[in-house]
PDB file of all heavy atoms in Angstrom:
ATOM      1  N   TRP A   1      25.356  -4.581 -46.373  1.00  0.00           N
ATOM      2  CA  TRP A   1      26.148  -3.565 -45.714  1.00  0.00           C
ATOM      3  C   TRP A   1      26.354  -2.340 -46.586  1.00  0.00           C
ATOM      4  O   TRP A   1      26.325  -1.209 -46.109  1.00  0.00           O
ATOM      5  CB  TRP A   1      27.494  -4.168 -45.343  1.00  0.00           C
ATOM      6  CG  TRP A   1      28.388  -3.230 -44.621  1.00  0.00           C
ATOM      7  CD1 TRP A   1      28.327  -2.844 -43.316  1.00  0.00           C
ATOM      8  CD2 TRP A   1      29.518  -2.522 -45.176  1.00  0.00           C
ATOM      9  NE1 TRP A   1      29.325  -1.964 -43.022  1.00  0.00           N
ATOM     10  CE2 TRP A   1      30.072  -1.744 -44.143  1.00  0.00           C
ATOM     11  CE3 TRP A   1      30.103  -2.488 -46.435  1.00  0.00           C
ATOM     12  CZ2 TRP A   1      31.182  -0.936 -44.333  1.00  0.00           C
ATOM     13  CZ3 TRP A   1      31.205  -1.674 -46.630  1.00  0.00           C
ATOM     14  CH2 TRP A   1      31.740  -0.913 -45.587  1.00  0.00           C
ATOM     15  N   VAL A   2      26.550  -2.530 -47.901  1.00  0.00           N
ATOM     16  CA  VAL A   2      26.810  -1.400 -48.805  1.00  0.00           C
ATOM     17  C   VAL A   2      25.630  -0.430 -48.869  1.00  0.00           C
ATOM     18  O   VAL A   2      25.801   0.783 -48.718  1.00  0.00           O
ATOM     19  CB  VAL A   2      27.192  -1.907 -50.212  1.00  0.00           C
ATOM     20  CG1 VAL A   2      27.282  -0.747 -51.193  1.00  0.00           C
ATOM     21  CG2 VAL A   2      28.520  -2.649 -50.155  1.00  0.00           C
ATOM     22  N   PRO A   3      24.365  -0.909 -49.103  1.00  0.00           N
ATOM     23  CA  PRO A   3      23.249   0.046 -49.098  1.00  0.00           C
ATOM     24  C   PRO A   3      23.069   0.750 -47.760  1.00  0.00           C
ATOM     25  O   PRO A   3      22.693   1.925 -47.723  1.00  0.00           O
ATOM     26  CB  PRO A   3      22.036  -0.845 -49.421  1.00  0.00           C
ATOM     27  CG  PRO A   3      22.600  -2.028 -50.111  1.00  0.00           C
ATOM     28  CD  PRO A   3      23.933  -2.253 -49.479  1.00  0.00           C
ATOM     29  N   SER A   4      23.336   0.030 -46.654  1.00  0.00           N
ATOM     30  CA  SER A   4      23.187   0.668 -45.349  1.00  0.00           C
ATOM     31  C   SER A   4      24.214   1.780 -45.168  1.00  0.00           C
ATOM     32  O   SER A   4      23.927   2.824 -44.586  1.00  0.00           O
ATOM     33  CB  SER A   4      23.328  -0.377 -44.242  1.00  0.00           C
ATOM     34  OG  SER A   4      24.623  -0.947 -44.262  1.00  0.00           O
ATOM     35  N   MET A   5      25.435   1.565 -45.679  1.00  0.00           N
ATOM     36  CA  MET A   5      26.446   2.618 -45.620  1.00  0.00           C
ATOM     37  C   MET A   5      26.049   3.812 -46.473  1.00  0.00           C
ATOM     38  O   MET A   5      26.243   4.962 -46.085  1.00  0.00           O
ATOM     39  CB  MET A   5      27.795   2.055 -46.095  1.00  0.00           C
ATOM     40  CG  MET A   5      28.517   1.233 -45.055  1.00  0.00           C
ATOM     41  SD  MET A   5      29.024   2.250 -43.657  1.00  0.00           S
ATOM     42  CE  MET A   5      30.215   3.323 -44.444  1.00  0.00           C
ATOM     43  N   ARG A   6      25.484   3.546 -47.649  1.00  0.00           N
ATOM     44  CA  ARG A   6      25.037   4.646 -48.519  1.00  0.00           C
ATOM     45  C   ARG A   6      23.928   5.436 -47.844  1.00  0.00           C
ATOM     46  O   ARG A   6      23.914   6.669 -47.896  1.00  0.00           O
ATOM     47  CB  ARG A   6      24.551   4.081 -49.843  1.00  0.00           C
ATOM     48  CG  ARG A   6      25.669   3.534 -50.734  1.00  0.00           C
ATOM     49  CD  ARG A   6      25.108   2.921 -52.000  1.00  0.00           C
ATOM     50  NE  ARG A   6      26.166   2.410 -52.867  1.00  0.00           N
ATOM     51  CZ  ARG A   6      25.948   1.721 -53.966  1.00  0.00           C
ATOM     52  NH1 ARG A   6      24.701   1.475 -54.359  1.00  0.00           N
ATOM     53  NH2 ARG A   6      26.956   1.280 -54.690  1.00  0.00           N
ATOM     54  N   SER A   7      22.993   4.741 -47.205  1.00  0.00           N
ATOM     55  CA  SER A   7      21.903   5.426 -46.513  1.00  0.00           C
ATOM     56  C   SER A   7      22.439   6.261 -45.362  1.00  0.00           C
ATOM     57  O   SER A   7      21.991   7.393 -45.138  1.00  0.00           O
ATOM     58  CB  SER A   7      20.887   4.410 -45.995  1.00  0.00           C
ATOM     59  OG  SER A   7      20.342   3.664 -47.067  1.00  0.00           O
ATOM     60  N   ALA A   8      23.413   5.716 -44.632  1.00  0.00           N
ATOM     61  CA  ALA A   8      23.996   6.468 -43.521  1.00  0.00           C
ATOM     62  C   ALA A   8      24.723   7.704 -44.014  1.00  0.00           C
ATOM     63  O   ALA A   8      24.635   8.785 -43.408  1.00  0.00           O
ATOM     64  CB  ALA A   8      24.948   5.566 -42.732  1.00  0.00           C
ATOM     65  N   LEU A   9      25.442   7.573 -45.141  1.00  0.00           N
ATOM     66  CA  LEU A   9      26.158   8.721 -45.700  1.00  0.00           C
ATOM     67  C   LEU A   9      25.195   9.799 -46.173  1.00  0.00           C
ATOM     68  O   LEU A   9      25.406  10.995 -45.935  1.00  0.00           O
ATOM     69  CB  LEU A   9      27.046   8.255 -46.853  1.00  0.00           C
ATOM     70  CG  LEU A   9      27.893   9.346 -47.540  1.00  0.00           C
ATOM     71  CD1 LEU A   9      28.828   9.987 -46.525  1.00  0.00           C
ATOM     72  CD2 LEU A   9      28.697   8.758 -48.696  1.00  0.00           C
ATOM     73  N   ARG A  10      24.106   9.378 -46.823  1.00  0.00           N
ATOM     74  CA  ARG A  10      23.113  10.367 -47.269  1.00  0.00           C
ATOM     75  C   ARG A  10      22.476  11.065 -46.080  1.00  0.00           C
ATOM     76  O   ARG A  10      22.233  12.274 -46.099  1.00  0.00           O
ATOM     77  CB  ARG A  10      22.047   9.669 -48.095  1.00  0.00           C
ATOM     78  CG  ARG A  10      22.536   9.211 -49.475  1.00  0.00           C
ATOM     79  CD  ARG A  10      21.483   8.398 -50.180  1.00  0.00           C
ATOM     80  NE  ARG A  10      21.955   7.901 -51.471  1.00  0.00           N
ATOM     81  CZ  ARG A  10      21.298   7.043 -52.218  1.00  0.00           C
ATOM     82  NH1 ARG A  10      20.118   6.572 -51.814  1.00  0.00           N
ATOM     83  NH2 ARG A  10      21.791   6.643 -53.382  1.00  0.00           N
ATOM     84  N   GLY A  11      22.196  10.309 -45.032  1.00  0.00           N
ATOM     85  CA  GLY A  11      21.627  10.921 -43.834  1.00  0.00           C
ATOM     86  C   GLY A  11      22.570  11.921 -43.201  1.00  0.00           C
ATOM     87  O   GLY A  11      22.154  12.971 -42.715  1.00  0.00           O
ATOM     88  N   LEU A  12      23.884  11.593 -43.213  1.00  0.00           N
ATOM     89  CA  LEU A  12      24.871  12.510 -42.654  1.00  0.00           C
ATOM     90  C   LEU A  12      24.944  13.793 -43.469  1.00  0.00           C
ATOM     91  O   LEU A  12      25.012  14.897 -42.919  1.00  0.00           O
ATOM     92  CB  LEU A  12      26.242  11.829 -42.620  1.00  0.00           C
ATOM     93  CG  LEU A  12      27.420  12.692 -42.140  1.00  0.00           C
ATOM     94  CD1 LEU A  12      27.207  13.099 -40.696  1.00  0.00           C
ATOM     95  CD2 LEU A  12      28.728  11.934 -42.283  1.00  0.00           C
ATOM     96  N   LEU A  13      24.937  13.660 -44.806  1.00  0.00           N
ATOM     97  CA  LEU A  13      25.035  14.838 -45.659  1.00  0.00           C
ATOM     98  C   LEU A  13      23.800  15.717 -45.566  1.00  0.00           C
ATOM     99  O   LEU A  13      23.856  16.906 -45.836  1.00  0.00           O
ATOM    100  CB  LEU A  13      25.263  14.406 -47.114  1.00  0.00           C
ATOM    101  CG  LEU A  13      26.604  13.719 -47.400  1.00  0.00           C
ATOM    102  CD1 LEU A  13      26.676  13.299 -48.857  1.00  0.00           C
ATOM    103  CD2 LEU A  13      27.768  14.624 -47.063  1.00  0.00           C
ATOM    104  N   ARG A  14      22.667  15.125 -45.210  1.00  0.00           N
ATOM    105  CA  ARG A  14      21.432  15.897 -45.107  1.00  0.00           C
ATOM    106  C   ARG A  14      21.171  16.414 -43.704  1.00  0.00           C
ATOM    107  O   ARG A  14      20.284  17.215 -43.494  1.00  0.00           O
ATOM    108  CB  ARG A  14      20.249  15.025 -45.548  1.00  0.00           C
ATOM    109  CG  ARG A  14      20.276  14.663 -47.030  1.00  0.00           C
ATOM    110  CD  ARG A  14      19.184  13.689 -47.371  1.00  0.00           C
ATOM    111  NE  ARG A  14      19.220  13.297 -48.778  1.00  0.00           N
ATOM    112  CZ  ARG A  14      18.477  12.343 -49.309  1.00  0.00           C
ATOM    113  NH1 ARG A  14      17.632  11.664 -48.546  1.00  0.00           N
ATOM    114  NH2 ARG A  14      18.573  12.047 -50.592  1.00  0.00           N
ATOM    115  N   GLY A  15      21.920  15.941 -42.748  1.00  0.00           N
ATOM    116  CA  GLY A  15      21.652  16.296 -41.367  1.00  0.00           C
ATOM    117  C   GLY A  15      22.214  17.652 -41.007  1.00  0.00           C
ATOM    118  O   GLY A  15      23.095  18.200 -41.683  1.00  0.00           O
ATOM    119  N   PRO A  16      21.734  18.223 -39.895  1.00  0.00           N
ATOM    120  CA  PRO A  16      22.222  19.537 -39.455  1.00  0.00           C
ATOM    121  C   PRO A  16      23.677  19.512 -39.020  1.00  0.00           C
ATOM    122  O   PRO A  16      24.362  20.528 -39.091  1.00  0.00           O
ATOM    123  CB  PRO A  16      21.287  19.881 -38.288  1.00  0.00           C
ATOM    124  CG  PRO A  16      20.754  18.555 -37.819  1.00  0.00           C
ATOM    125  CD  PRO A  16      20.676  17.687 -39.033  1.00  0.00           C
ATOM    126  N   ASP A  17      24.194  18.357 -38.556  1.00  0.00           N
ATOM    127  CA  ASP A  17      25.588  18.288 -38.132  1.00  0.00           C
ATOM    128  C   ASP A  17      26.532  18.580 -39.293  1.00  0.00           C
ATOM    129  O   ASP A  17      27.599  19.183 -39.095  1.00  0.00           O
ATOM    130  CB  ASP A  17      25.895  16.906 -37.555  1.00  0.00           C
ATOM    131  CG  ASP A  17      25.154  16.657 -36.243  1.00  0.00           C
ATOM    132  OD1 ASP A  17      24.721  17.651 -35.636  1.00  0.00           O
ATOM    133  OD2 ASP A  17      25.003  15.492 -35.848  1.00  0.00           O
ATOM    134  N   PHE A  18      26.161  18.156 -40.489  1.00  0.00           N
ATOM    135  CA  PHE A  18      26.998  18.418 -41.653  1.00  0.00           C
ATOM    136  C   PHE A  18      27.087  19.915 -41.941  1.00  0.00           C
ATOM    137  O   PHE A  18      28.138  20.417 -42.356  1.00  0.00           O
ATOM    138  CB  PHE A  18      26.460  17.673 -42.868  1.00  0.00           C
ATOM    139  CG  PHE A  18      27.300  17.814 -44.093  1.00  0.00           C
ATOM    140  CD1 PHE A  18      28.549  17.234 -44.175  1.00  0.00           C
ATOM    141  CD2 PHE A  18      26.851  18.547 -45.181  1.00  0.00           C
ATOM    142  CE1 PHE A  18      29.345  17.367 -45.306  1.00  0.00           C
ATOM    143  CE2 PHE A  18      27.625  18.686 -46.312  1.00  0.00           C
ATOM    144  CZ  PHE A  18      28.876  18.102 -46.373  1.00  0.00           C
ATOM    145  N   ASP A  19      25.996  20.639 -41.724  1.00  0.00           N
ATOM    146  CA  ASP A  19      26.014  22.090 -41.927  1.00  0.00           C
ATOM    147  C   ASP A  19      26.910  22.770 -40.902  1.00  0.00           C
ATOM    148  O   ASP A  19      27.552  23.785 -41.211  1.00  0.00           O
ATOM    149  CB  ASP A  19      24.587  22.644 -41.836  1.00  0.00           C
ATOM    150  CG  ASP A  19      23.741  22.221 -43.019  1.00  0.00           C
ATOM    151  OD1 ASP A  19      24.319  21.909 -44.076  1.00  0.00           O
ATOM    152  OD2 ASP A  19      22.502  22.188 -42.884  1.00  0.00           O
ATOM    153  N   VAL A  20      26.955  22.233 -39.691  1.00  0.00           N
ATOM    154  CA  VAL A  20      27.865  22.775 -38.675  1.00  0.00           C
ATOM    155  C   VAL A  20      29.316  22.576 -39.126  1.00  0.00           C
ATOM    156  O   VAL A  20      30.148  23.487 -38.994  1.00  0.00           O
ATOM    157  CB  VAL A  20      27.617  22.097 -37.319  1.00  0.00           C
ATOM    158  CG1 VAL A  20      28.653  22.558 -36.297  1.00  0.00           C
ATOM    159  CG2 VAL A  20      26.214  22.406 -36.813  1.00  0.00           C
ATOM    160  N   VAL A  21      29.610  21.401 -39.670  1.00  0.00           N
ATOM    161  CA  VAL A  21      30.960  21.134 -40.178  1.00  0.00           C
ATOM    162  C   VAL A  21      31.287  22.080 -41.321  1.00  0.00           C
ATOM    163  O   VAL A  21      32.406  22.638 -41.396  1.00  0.00           O
ATOM    164  CB  VAL A  21      31.078  19.662 -40.630  1.00  0.00           C
ATOM    165  CG1 VAL A  21      32.414  19.419 -41.307  1.00  0.00           C
ATOM    166  CG2 VAL A  21      30.909  18.725 -39.447  1.00  0.00           C
ATOM    167  N   LEU A  22      30.329  22.287 -42.227  1.00  0.00           N
ATOM    168  CA  LEU A  22      30.566  23.205 -43.344  1.00  0.00           C
ATOM    169  C   LEU A  22      30.830  24.626 -42.849  1.00  0.00           C
ATOM    170  O   LEU A  22      31.701  25.326 -43.378  1.00  0.00           O
ATOM    171  CB  LEU A  22      29.355  23.197 -44.276  1.00  0.00           C
ATOM    172  CG  LEU A  22      29.284  22.088 -45.320  1.00  0.00           C
ATOM    173  CD1 LEU A  22      28.016  22.229 -46.146  1.00  0.00           C
ATOM    174  CD2 LEU A  22      30.501  22.097 -46.226  1.00  0.00           C
ATOM    175  N   ALA A  23      30.077  25.055 -41.855  1.00  0.00           N
ATOM    176  CA  ALA A  23      30.282  26.393 -41.305  1.00  0.00           C
ATOM    177  C   ALA A  23      31.679  26.513 -40.700  1.00  0.00           C
ATOM    178  O   ALA A  23      32.361  27.533 -40.871  1.00  0.00           O
ATOM    179  CB  ALA A  23      29.217  26.696 -40.252  1.00  0.00           C
ATOM    180  N   PHE A  24      32.125  25.469 -40.015  1.00  0.00           N
ATOM    181  CA  PHE A  24      33.469  25.500 -39.429  1.00  0.00           C
ATOM    182  C   PHE A  24      34.541  25.517 -40.515  1.00  0.00           C
ATOM    183  O   PHE A  24      35.539  26.249 -40.407  1.00  0.00           O
ATOM    184  CB  PHE A  24      33.674  24.288 -38.521  1.00  0.00           C
ATOM    185  CG  PHE A  24      35.027  24.236 -37.882  1.00  0.00           C
ATOM    186  CD1 PHE A  24      35.332  25.041 -36.792  1.00  0.00           C
ATOM    187  CD2 PHE A  24      36.019  23.403 -38.398  1.00  0.00           C
ATOM    188  CE1 PHE A  24      36.598  25.009 -36.208  1.00  0.00           C
ATOM    189  CE2 PHE A  24      37.277  23.368 -37.826  1.00  0.00           C
ATOM    190  CZ  PHE A  24      37.572  24.174 -36.731  1.00  0.00           C
ATOM    191  N   VAL A  25      34.337  24.721 -41.562  1.00  0.00           N
ATOM    192  CA  VAL A  25      35.286  24.706 -42.681  1.00  0.00           C
ATOM    193  C   VAL A  25      35.347  26.081 -43.350  1.00  0.00           C
ATOM    194  O   VAL A  25      36.430  26.584 -43.706  1.00  0.00           O
ATOM    195  CB  VAL A  25      34.906  23.617 -43.699  1.00  0.00           C
ATOM    196  CG1 VAL A  25      35.747  23.738 -44.962  1.00  0.00           C
ATOM    197  CG2 VAL A  25      35.078  22.232 -43.079  1.00  0.00           C
ATOM    198  N   ALA A  26      34.181  26.702 -43.536  1.00  0.00           N
ATOM    199  CA  ALA A  26      34.147  28.038 -44.141  1.00  0.00           C
ATOM    200  C   ALA A  26      34.871  29.051 -43.258  1.00  0.00           C
ATOM    201  O   ALA A  26      35.625  29.903 -43.767  1.00  0.00           O
ATOM    202  CB  ALA A  26      32.698  28.470 -44.362  1.00  0.00           C
ATOM    203  N   PHE A  27      34.656  28.958 -41.960  1.00  0.00           N
ATOM    204  CA  PHE A  27      35.348  29.852 -41.018  1.00  0.00           C
ATOM    205  C   PHE A  27      36.860  29.700 -41.128  1.00  0.00           C
ATOM    206  O   PHE A  27      37.602  30.686 -41.234  1.00  0.00           O
ATOM    207  CB  PHE A  27      34.864  29.539 -39.607  1.00  0.00           C
ATOM    208  CG  PHE A  27      35.798  29.977 -38.519  1.00  0.00           C
ATOM    209  CD1 PHE A  27      36.018  31.325 -38.280  1.00  0.00           C
ATOM    210  CD2 PHE A  27      36.457  29.045 -37.733  1.00  0.00           C
ATOM    211  CE1 PHE A  27      36.890  31.737 -37.271  1.00  0.00           C
ATOM    212  CE2 PHE A  27      37.321  29.444 -36.735  1.00  0.00           C
ATOM    213  CZ  PHE A  27      37.539  30.790 -36.498  1.00  0.00           C
ATOM    214  N   ALA A  28      37.336  28.440 -41.135  1.00  0.00           N
ATOM    215  CA  ALA A  28      38.771  28.193 -41.240  1.00  0.00           C
ATOM    216  C   ALA A  28      39.321  28.672 -42.580  1.00  0.00           C
ATOM    217  O   ALA A  28      40.411  29.272 -42.648  1.00  0.00           O
ATOM    218  CB  ALA A  28      39.058  26.706 -41.041  1.00  0.00           C
ATOM    219  N   ALA A  29      38.560  28.423 -43.656  1.00  0.00           N
ATOM    220  CA  ALA A  29      39.027  28.823 -44.985  1.00  0.00           C
ATOM    221  C   ALA A  29      39.129  30.341 -45.104  1.00  0.00           C
ATOM    222  O   ALA A  29      40.066  30.866 -45.736  1.00  0.00           O
ATOM    223  CB  ALA A  29      38.084  28.273 -46.050  1.00  0.00           C
ATOM    224  N   LEU A  30      38.172  31.050 -44.524  1.00  0.00           N
ATOM    225  CA  LEU A  30      38.210  32.512 -44.588  1.00  0.00           C
ATOM    226  C   LEU A  30      39.451  33.071 -43.899  1.00  0.00           C
ATOM    227  O   LEU A  30      39.982  34.119 -44.312  1.00  0.00           O
ATOM    228  CB  LEU A  30      36.945  33.092 -43.944  1.00  0.00           C
ATOM    229  CG  LEU A  30      35.641  32.927 -44.732  1.00  0.00           C
ATOM    230  CD1 LEU A  30      34.444  33.351 -43.893  1.00  0.00           C
ATOM    231  CD2 LEU A  30      35.691  33.715 -46.034  1.00  0.00           C
ATOM    232  N   LEU A  31      39.910  32.390 -42.867  1.00  0.00           N
ATOM    233  CA  LEU A  31      41.102  32.872 -42.158  1.00  0.00           C
ATOM    234  C   LEU A  31      42.395  32.413 -42.830  1.00  0.00           C
ATOM    235  O   LEU A  31      43.373  33.163 -42.869  1.00  0.00           O
ATOM    236  CB  LEU A  31      41.070  32.379 -40.706  1.00  0.00           C
ATOM    237  CG  LEU A  31      39.980  32.974 -39.812  1.00  0.00           C
ATOM    238  CD1 LEU A  31      40.072  32.393 -38.420  1.00  0.00           C
ATOM    239  CD2 LEU A  31      40.070  34.493 -39.767  1.00  0.00           C
ATOM    240  N   VAL A  32      42.392  31.190 -43.353  1.00  0.00           N
ATOM    241  CA  VAL A  32      43.621  30.634 -43.921  1.00  0.00           C
ATOM    242  C   VAL A  32      43.905  31.202 -45.309  1.00  0.00           C
ATOM    243  O   VAL A  32      45.062  31.469 -45.672  1.00  0.00           O
ATOM    244  CB  VAL A  32      43.526  29.094 -43.980  1.00  0.00           C
ATOM    245  CG1 VAL A  32      44.695  28.499 -44.753  1.00  0.00           C
ATOM    246  CG2 VAL A  32      43.476  28.518 -42.567  1.00  0.00           C
ATOM    247  N   ASP A  33      42.860  31.416 -46.101  1.00  0.00           N
ATOM    248  CA  ASP A  33      43.040  31.802 -47.503  1.00  0.00           C
ATOM    249  C   ASP A  33      43.859  33.081 -47.681  1.00  0.00           C
ATOM    250  O   ASP A  33      44.807  33.097 -48.483  1.00  0.00           O
ATOM    251  CB  ASP A  33      41.673  31.929 -48.163  1.00  0.00           C
ATOM    252  CG  ASP A  33      41.771  32.345 -49.622  1.00  0.00           C
ATOM    253  OD1 ASP A  33      42.671  31.833 -50.320  1.00  0.00           O
ATOM    254  OD2 ASP A  33      40.966  33.169 -50.076  1.00  0.00           O
ATOM    255  N   PRO A  34      43.525  34.175 -47.003  1.00  0.00           N
ATOM    256  CA  PRO A  34      44.313  35.402 -47.253  1.00  0.00           C
ATOM    257  C   PRO A  34      45.775  35.277 -46.844  1.00  0.00           C
ATOM    258  O   PRO A  34      46.649  35.892 -47.469  1.00  0.00           O
ATOM    259  CB  PRO A  34      43.579  36.464 -46.420  1.00  0.00           C
ATOM    260  CG  PRO A  34      42.832  35.706 -45.394  1.00  0.00           C
ATOM    261  CD  PRO A  34      42.452  34.415 -46.031  1.00  0.00           C
TER     262      PRO A  34
END
């Protein structure tokens, strides 16, 4: 189970969905920070 979880996490970090999350986080941070 542990290696399968690691593989799933690596796949998530490399997938396009993670970049969408990062873009949303950056958008929120740009508004909240100032």
